[in-house]
All heavy atoms as atom14 arrays in JSON, in Angstrom:
{
  "sequence": "YAFRAYLFNTWRRVAHRYGFVEWEAPTVEATELYL",
  "atom14_mask": [
    [1, 1, 1, 1, 1, 1, 1, 1, 1, 1, 1, 1, 0, 0],
    [1, 1, 1, 1, 1, 0, 0, 0, 0, 0, 0, 0, 0, 0],
    [1, 1, 1, 1, 1, 1, 1, 1, 1, 1, 1, 0, 0, 0],
    [1, 1, 1, 1, 1, 1, 1, 1, 1, 1, 1, 0, 0, 0],
    [1, 1, 1, 1, 1, 0, 0, 0, 0, 0, 0, 0, 0, 0],
    [1, 1, 1, 1, 1, 1, 1, 1, 1, 1, 1, 1, 0, 0],
    [1, 1, 1, 1, 1, 1, 1, 1, 0, 0, 0, 0, 0, 0],
    [1, 1, 1, 1, 1, 1, 1, 1, 1, 1, 1, 0, 0, 0],
    [1, 1, 1, 1, 1, 1, 1, 1, 0, 0, 0, 0, 0, 0],
    [1, 1, 1, 1, 1, 1, 1, 0, 0, 0, 0, 0, 0, 0],
    [1, 1, 1, 1, 1, 1, 1, 1, 1, 1, 1, 1, 1, 1],
    [1, 1, 1, 1, 1, 1, 1, 1, 1, 1, 1, 0, 0, 0],
    [1, 1, 1, 1, 1, 1, 1, 1, 1, 1, 1, 0, 0, 0],
    [1, 1, 1, 1, 1, 1, 1, 0, 0, 0, 0, 0, 0, 0],
    [1, 1, 1, 1, 1, 0, 0, 0, 0, 0, 0, 0, 0, 0],
    [1, 1, 1, 1, 1, 1, 1, 1, 1, 1, 0, 0, 0, 0],
    [1, 1, 1, 1, 1, 1, 1, 1, 1, 1, 1, 0, 0, 0],
    [1, 1, 1, 1, 1, 1, 1, 1, 1, 1, 1, 1, 0, 0],
    [1, 1, 1, 1, 0, 0, 0, 0, 0, 0, 0, 0, 0, 0],
    [1, 1, 1, 1, 1, 1, 1, 1, 1, 1, 1, 0, 0, 0],
    [1, 1, 1, 1, 1, 1, 1, 0, 0, 0, 0, 0, 0, 0],
    [1, 1, 1, 1, 1, 1, 1, 1, 1, 0, 0, 0, 0, 0],
    [1, 1, 1, 1, 1, 1, 1, 1, 1, 1, 1, 1, 1, 1],
    [1, 1, 1, 1, 1, 1, 1, 1, 1, 0, 0, 0, 0, 0],
    [1, 1, 1, 1, 1, 0, 0, 0, 0, 0, 0, 0, 0, 0],
    [1, 1, 1, 1, 1, 1, 1, 0, 0, 0, 0, 0, 0, 0],
    [1, 1, 1, 1, 1, 1, 1, 0, 0, 0, 0, 0, 0, 0],
    [1, 1, 1, 1, 1, 1, 1, 0, 0, 0, 0, 0, 0, 0],
    [1, 1, 1, 1, 1, 1, 1, 1, 1, 0, 0, 0, 0, 0],
    [1, 1, 1, 1, 1, 0, 0, 0, 0, 0, 0, 0, 0, 0],
    [1, 1, 1, 1, 1, 1, 1, 0, 0, 0, 0, 0, 0, 0],
    [1, 1, 1, 1, 1, 1, 1, 1, 1, 0, 0, 0, 0, 0],
    [1, 1, 1, 1, 1, 1, 1, 1, 0, 0, 0, 0, 0, 0],
    [1, 1, 1, 1, 1, 1, 1, 1, 1, 1, 1, 1, 0, 0],
    [1, 1, 1, 1, 1, 1, 1, 1, 0, 0, 0, 0, 0, 0]
  ],
  "atom14_positions": [
    [[-23.5, 18.8, 8.79], [-23.26, 18.23, 7.49], [-22.79, 19.26, 6.48], [-21.93, 19.07, 5.62], [-24.45, 17.46, 6.95], [-24.2, 16.62, 5.8], [-23.8, 15.25, 5.97], [-24.28, 17.05, 4.47], [-23.49, 14.42, 4.89], [-23.97, 16.23, 3.4], [-23.59, 14.93, 3.59], [-23.36, 14.08, 2.54], [0.0, 0.0, 0.0], [0.0, 0.0, 0.0]],
    [[-23.42, 20.47, 6.53], [-23.07, 21.56, 5.69], [-21.6, 21.96, 5.85], [-20.86, 22.23, 4.95], [-23.96, 22.78, 5.85], [0.0, 0.0, 0.0], [0.0, 0.0, 0.0], [0.0, 0.0, 0.0], [0.0, 0.0, 0.0], [0.0, 0.0, 0.0], [0.0, 0.0, 0.0], [0.0, 0.0, 0.0], [0.0, 0.0, 0.0], [0.0, 0.0, 0.0]],
    [[-21.12, 21.98, 7.16], [-19.71, 22.29, 7.43], [-18.8, 21.22, 6.83], [-17.77, 21.55, 6.21], [-19.47, 22.43, 8.91], [-18.06, 22.58, 9.26], [-17.33, 23.7, 8.87], [-17.33, 21.62, 9.93], [-15.96, 23.89, 9.15], [-16.01, 21.78, 10.29], [-15.33, 22.88, 9.83], [0.0, 0.0, 0.0], [0.0, 0.0, 0.0], [0.0, 0.0, 0.0]],
    [[-19.19, 19.97, 6.98], [-18.44, 18.91, 6.42], [-18.29, 18.99, 4.9], [-17.25, 18.84, 4.32], [-18.96, 17.54, 6.84], [-17.99, 16.39, 6.46], [-18.48, 15.11, 7.01], [-19.56, 14.47, 6.26], [-19.87, 13.15, 6.29], [-19.18, 12.33, 7.04], [-20.86, 12.72, 5.55], [0.0, 0.0, 0.0], [0.0, 0.0, 0.0], [0.0, 0.0, 0.0]],
    [[-19.42, 19.35, 4.25], [-19.44, 19.6, 2.84], [-18.52, 20.76, 2.44], [-17.83, 20.73, 1.42], [-20.88, 19.8, 2.36], [0.0, 0.0, 0.0], [0.0, 0.0, 0.0], [0.0, 0.0, 0.0], [0.0, 0.0, 0.0], [0.0, 0.0, 0.0], [0.0, 0.0, 0.0], [0.0, 0.0, 0.0], [0.0, 0.0, 0.0], [0.0, 0.0, 0.0]],
    [[-18.45, 21.76, 3.29], [-17.56, 22.92, 3.1], [-16.09, 22.48, 3.07], [-15.36, 22.89, 2.16], [-17.82, 23.96, 4.15], [-16.81, 25.04, 4.25], [-16.6, 25.98, 3.15], [-15.97, 25.18, 5.31], [-15.7, 26.98, 3.25], [-15.03, 26.19, 5.41], [-14.88, 27.09, 4.42], [-13.92, 28.08, 4.49], [0.0, 0.0, 0.0], [0.0, 0.0, 0.0]],
    [[-15.78, 21.59, 4.0], [-14.38, 21.06, 4.07], [-14.13, 20.24, 2.78], [-13.12, 20.43, 2.09], [-14.25, 20.17, 5.28], [-14.28, 20.81, 6.65], [-14.09, 19.71, 7.75], [-13.23, 21.83, 6.85], [0.0, 0.0, 0.0], [0.0, 0.0, 0.0], [0.0, 0.0, 0.0], [0.0, 0.0, 0.0], [0.0, 0.0, 0.0], [0.0, 0.0, 0.0]],
    [[-15.08, 19.35, 2.41], [-14.89, 18.53, 1.25], [-14.72, 19.35, -0.03], [-13.88, 19.05, -0.85], [-16.06, 17.52, 1.11], [-16.19, 16.49, 2.12], [-15.37, 16.44, 3.27], [-17.03, 15.37, 1.96], [-15.47, 15.49, 4.23], [-17.13, 14.39, 2.9], [-16.37, 14.41, 4.02], [0.0, 0.0, 0.0], [0.0, 0.0, 0.0], [0.0, 0.0, 0.0]],
    [[-15.62, 20.33, -0.19], [-15.62, 21.13, -1.36], [-14.26, 21.93, -1.46], [-13.77, 22.04, -2.61], [-16.76, 22.13, -1.43], [-18.08, 21.39, -1.6], [-18.16, 20.28, -2.08], [-19.15, 22.03, -1.16], [0.0, 0.0, 0.0], [0.0, 0.0, 0.0], [0.0, 0.0, 0.0], [0.0, 0.0, 0.0], [0.0, 0.0, 0.0], [0.0, 0.0, 0.0]],
    [[-13.8, 22.39, -0.38], [-12.53, 23.16, -0.41], [-11.4, 22.2, -0.77], [-10.58, 22.55, -1.58], [-12.27, 23.75, 1.0], [-13.38, 24.62, 1.33], [-10.98, 24.6, 1.0], [0.0, 0.0, 0.0], [0.0, 0.0, 0.0], [0.0, 0.0, 0.0], [0.0, 0.0, 0.0], [0.0, 0.0, 0.0], [0.0, 0.0, 0.0], [0.0, 0.0, 0.0]],
    [[-11.26, 21.07, -0.13], [-10.24, 20.11, -0.48], [-10.3, 19.73, -1.96], [-9.26, 19.68, -2.63], [-10.43, 18.86, 0.4], [-9.9, 19.05, 1.76], [-8.97, 19.87, 2.27], [-10.47, 18.37, 2.95], [-8.85, 19.77, 3.63], [-9.73, 18.9, 4.09], [-11.44, 17.44, 3.22], [-9.98, 18.45, 5.45], [-11.7, 16.97, 4.45], [-10.96, 17.45, 5.56]],
    [[-11.49, 19.41, -2.46], [-11.63, 19.08, -3.85], [-11.17, 20.15, -4.75], [-10.57, 19.92, -5.81], [-13.1, 18.64, -4.17], [-13.49, 17.24, -3.69], [-14.77, 16.75, -4.31], [-14.98, 15.4, -3.84], [-15.83, 15.07, -2.84], [-16.46, 16.04, -2.16], [-16.01, 13.78, -2.48], [0.0, 0.0, 0.0], [0.0, 0.0, 0.0], [0.0, 0.0, 0.0]],
    [[-11.63, 21.37, -4.47], [-11.33, 22.52, -5.29], [-9.79, 22.69, -5.48], [-9.23, 22.91, -6.62], [-11.93, 23.74, -4.73], [-11.85, 24.99, -5.6], [-12.87, 26.04, -5.11], [-12.63, 26.47, -3.79], [-13.45, 26.26, -2.72], [-14.58, 25.63, -2.94], [-13.11, 26.69, -1.5], [0.0, 0.0, 0.0], [0.0, 0.0, 0.0], [0.0, 0.0, 0.0]],
    [[-9.11, 22.57, -4.36], [-7.61, 22.79, -4.4], [-6.94, 21.61, -5.12], [-6.04, 21.74, -5.91], [-7.05, 22.98, -3.02], [-5.52, 23.14, -3.09], [-7.67, 24.2, -2.34], [0.0, 0.0, 0.0], [0.0, 0.0, 0.0], [0.0, 0.0, 0.0], [0.0, 0.0, 0.0], [0.0, 0.0, 0.0], [0.0, 0.0, 0.0], [0.0, 0.0, 0.0]],
    [[-7.36, 20.37, -4.76], [-6.81, 19.21, -5.44], [-7.0, 19.24, -6.91], [-6.08, 18.84, -7.69], [-7.45, 17.91, -4.83], [0.0, 0.0, 0.0], [0.0, 0.0, 0.0], [0.0, 0.0, 0.0], [0.0, 0.0, 0.0], [0.0, 0.0, 0.0], [0.0, 0.0, 0.0], [0.0, 0.0, 0.0], [0.0, 0.0, 0.0], [0.0, 0.0, 0.0]],
    [[-8.2, 19.63, -7.41], [-8.39, 19.73, -8.81], [-7.5, 20.76, -9.44], [-7.04, 20.55, -10.64], [-9.86, 20.05, -9.1], [-10.75, 18.88, -8.82], [-12.11, 19.02, -8.52], [-10.54, 17.5, -8.84], [-12.65, 17.83, -8.31], [-11.75, 16.94, -8.42], [0.0, 0.0, 0.0], [0.0, 0.0, 0.0], [0.0, 0.0, 0.0], [0.0, 0.0, 0.0]],
    [[-7.27, 21.87, -8.76], [-6.35, 22.9, -9.31], [-4.95, 22.34, -9.5], [-4.23, 22.79, -10.39], [-6.27, 24.12, -8.32], [-7.48, 24.97, -8.39], [-7.15, 26.42, -8.01], [-6.54, 26.59, -6.73], [-7.22, 26.98, -5.61], [-8.5, 27.22, -5.66], [-6.56, 27.12, -4.49], [0.0, 0.0, 0.0], [0.0, 0.0, 0.0], [0.0, 0.0, 0.0]],
    [[-4.54, 21.36, -8.73], [-3.2, 20.71, -8.78], [-3.23, 19.54, -9.75], [-2.22, 18.86, -9.9], [-2.72, 20.31, -7.44], [-2.1, 21.48, -6.68], [-2.77, 22.58, -6.22], [-0.69, 21.42, -6.43], [-2.07, 23.59, -5.5], [-0.06, 22.42, -5.74], [-0.75, 23.5, -5.32], [-0.12, 24.55, -4.6], [0.0, 0.0, 0.0], [0.0, 0.0, 0.0]],
    [[-4.32, 19.24, -10.42], [-4.34, 18.12, -11.28], [-4.53, 16.74, -10.73], [-4.18, 15.72, -11.38], [0.0, 0.0, 0.0], [0.0, 0.0, 0.0], [0.0, 0.0, 0.0], [0.0, 0.0, 0.0], [0.0, 0.0, 0.0], [0.0, 0.0, 0.0], [0.0, 0.0, 0.0], [0.0, 0.0, 0.0], [0.0, 0.0, 0.0], [0.0, 0.0, 0.0]],
    [[-5.01, 16.68, -9.48], [-5.26, 15.42, -8.81], [-6.62, 14.83, -9.21], [-7.59, 15.63, -9.44], [-5.15, 15.56, -7.36], [-3.76, 15.61, -6.82], [-2.91, 16.69, -7.11], [-3.22, 14.63, -6.01], [-1.61, 16.77, -6.63], [-1.93, 14.67, -5.54], [-1.05, 15.79, -5.82], [0.0, 0.0, 0.0], [0.0, 0.0, 0.0], [0.0, 0.0, 0.0]],
    [[-6.75, 13.56, -9.23], [-8.03, 12.91, -9.53], [-8.46, 12.06, -8.29], [-7.58, 11.67, -7.5], [-7.99, 11.99, -10.79], [-7.72, 12.86, -12.02], [-6.84, 10.9, -10.65], [0.0, 0.0, 0.0], [0.0, 0.0, 0.0], [0.0, 0.0, 0.0], [0.0, 0.0, 0.0], [0.0, 0.0, 0.0], [0.0, 0.0, 0.0], [0.0, 0.0, 0.0]],
    [[-9.73, 11.88, -8.16], [-10.29, 11.26, -6.89], [-10.46, 9.73, -7.09], [-10.74, 9.22, -8.13], [-11.66, 11.9, -6.59], [-12.13, 11.6, -5.17], [-13.24, 12.5, -4.73], [-13.69, 13.39, -5.53], [-13.67, 12.47, -3.59], [0.0, 0.0, 0.0], [0.0, 0.0, 0.0], [0.0, 0.0, 0.0], [0.0, 0.0, 0.0], [0.0, 0.0, 0.0]],
    [[-10.25, 9.02, -5.94], [-10.33, 7.64, -5.92], [-11.02, 7.27, -4.59], [-11.17, 8.08, -3.68], [-8.98, 6.91, -6.02], [-8.06, 7.2, -4.81], [-7.33, 8.32, -4.57], [-7.85, 6.3, -3.71], [-6.69, 8.22, -3.38], [-6.99, 6.97, -2.85], [-8.29, 5.07, -3.37], [-6.54, 6.42, -1.63], [-7.86, 4.5, -2.15], [-6.96, 5.17, -1.35]],
    [[-11.4, 5.95, -4.41], [-11.94, 5.54, -3.14], [-11.61, 4.08, -2.94], [-11.26, 3.33, -3.86], [-13.47, 5.76, -3.1], [-14.19, 5.36, -1.86], [-13.65, 6.05, -0.67], [-12.55, 5.65, -0.16], [-14.3, 6.98, -0.09], [0.0, 0.0, 0.0], [0.0, 0.0, 0.0], [0.0, 0.0, 0.0], [0.0, 0.0, 0.0], [0.0, 0.0, 0.0]],
    [[-11.68, 3.63, -1.7], [-11.38, 2.28, -1.29], [-12.47, 1.73, -0.35], [-13.26, 2.52, 0.17], [-10.06, 2.21, -0.52], [0.0, 0.0, 0.0], [0.0, 0.0, 0.0], [0.0, 0.0, 0.0], [0.0, 0.0, 0.0], [0.0, 0.0, 0.0], [0.0, 0.0, 0.0], [0.0, 0.0, 0.0], [0.0, 0.0, 0.0], [0.0, 0.0, 0.0]],
    [[-12.54, 0.42, -0.12], [-13.51, -0.13, 0.77], [-13.3, 0.4, 2.21], [-12.1, 0.66, 2.59], [-13.27, -1.61, 0.72], [-12.58, -1.91, -0.51], [-11.78, -0.64, -0.84], [0.0, 0.0, 0.0], [0.0, 0.0, 0.0], [0.0, 0.0, 0.0], [0.0, 0.0, 0.0], [0.0, 0.0, 0.0], [0.0, 0.0, 0.0], [0.0, 0.0, 0.0]],
    [[-14.36, 0.53, 2.99], [-14.25, 0.91, 4.35], [-13.63, -0.2, 5.21], [-13.0, 0.06, 6.21], [-15.64, 1.31, 4.88], [-16.13, 2.29, 4.06], [-15.47, 1.83, 6.34], [0.0, 0.0, 0.0], [0.0, 0.0, 0.0], [0.0, 0.0, 0.0], [0.0, 0.0, 0.0], [0.0, 0.0, 0.0], [0.0, 0.0, 0.0], [0.0, 0.0, 0.0]],
    [[-13.75, -1.45, 4.79], [-13.25, -2.63, 5.52], [-12.24, -3.27, 4.67], [-12.41, -3.51, 3.47], [-14.43, -3.55, 5.82], [-13.84, -4.84, 6.51], [-15.46, -2.88, 6.75], [0.0, 0.0, 0.0], [0.0, 0.0, 0.0], [0.0, 0.0, 0.0], [0.0, 0.0, 0.0], [0.0, 0.0, 0.0], [0.0, 0.0, 0.0], [0.0, 0.0, 0.0]],
    [[-11.1, -3.67, 5.25], [-10.01, -4.3, 4.57], [-9.57, -5.48, 5.43], [-9.88, -5.63, 6.63], [-8.77, -3.4, 4.37], [-9.1, -2.23, 3.38], [-8.75, -2.53, 1.96], [-8.68, -3.74, 1.61], [-8.55, -1.61, 1.16], [0.0, 0.0, 0.0], [0.0, 0.0, 0.0], [0.0, 0.0, 0.0], [0.0, 0.0, 0.0], [0.0, 0.0, 0.0]],
    [[-8.82, -6.41, 4.82], [-8.21, -7.51, 5.56], [-7.17, -6.91, 6.55], [-6.39, -6.02, 6.2], [-7.45, -8.44, 4.61], [0.0, 0.0, 0.0], [0.0, 0.0, 0.0], [0.0, 0.0, 0.0], [0.0, 0.0, 0.0], [0.0, 0.0, 0.0], [0.0, 0.0, 0.0], [0.0, 0.0, 0.0], [0.0, 0.0, 0.0], [0.0, 0.0, 0.0]],
    [[-7.23, -7.41, 7.81], [-6.34, -6.84, 8.85], [-4.9, -6.96, 8.48], [-4.04, -6.04, 8.8], [-6.61, -7.55, 10.17], [-7.98, -7.36, 10.52], [-5.73, -7.02, 11.24], [0.0, 0.0, 0.0], [0.0, 0.0, 0.0], [0.0, 0.0, 0.0], [0.0, 0.0, 0.0], [0.0, 0.0, 0.0], [0.0, 0.0, 0.0], [0.0, 0.0, 0.0]],
    [[-4.54, -7.98, 7.73], [-3.15, -8.2, 7.36], [-2.59, -7.05, 6.58], [-1.38, -6.74, 6.64], [-3.04, -9.5, 6.46], [-1.55, -9.83, 6.12], [-1.48, -11.03, 5.2], [-2.6, -11.54, 4.81], [-0.43, -11.46, 4.84], [0.0, 0.0, 0.0], [0.0, 0.0, 0.0], [0.0, 0.0, 0.0], [0.0, 0.0, 0.0], [0.0, 0.0, 0.0]],
    [[-3.45, -6.29, 5.85], [-2.96, -5.19, 5.06], [-2.32, -4.1, 5.93], [-1.33, -3.48, 5.6], [-4.17, -4.53, 4.31], [-3.86, -3.41, 3.39], [-3.06, -3.75, 2.26], [-5.18, -2.71, 2.95], [0.0, 0.0, 0.0], [0.0, 0.0, 0.0], [0.0, 0.0, 0.0], [0.0, 0.0, 0.0], [0.0, 0.0, 0.0], [0.0, 0.0, 0.0]],
    [[-2.9, -3.95, 7.18], [-2.41, -2.94, 8.07], [-1.25, -3.42, 8.92], [-0.48, -2.63, 9.46], [-3.54, -2.4, 8.95], [-4.7, -1.83, 8.12], [-5.91, -2.49, 8.09], [-4.55, -0.75, 7.33], [-6.96, -1.98, 7.35], [-5.57, -0.24, 6.55], [-6.78, -0.88, 6.59], [-7.78, -0.43, 5.81], [0.0, 0.0, 0.0], [0.0, 0.0, 0.0]],
    [[-1.16, -4.71, 9.15], [-0.13, -5.25, 9.95], [1.18, -5.45, 9.19], [2.22, -5.58, 9.78], [-0.56, -6.57, 10.59], [-1.83, -6.52, 11.47], [-2.12, -7.94, 11.98], [-1.64, -5.54, 12.58], [0.0, 0.0, 0.0], [0.0, 0.0, 0.0], [0.0, 0.0, 0.0], [0.0, 0.0, 0.0], [0.0, 0.0, 0.0], [0.0, 0.0, 0.0]]
  ]
}
């Protein structure tokens, strides 16, 4: 889990340097969305 957090923290750090903001979506979607 610590390694995963290391990946996450690195990605967030660089994204923030570029002026990106974070969002999230549901883990489950209507299948039609992908088809």
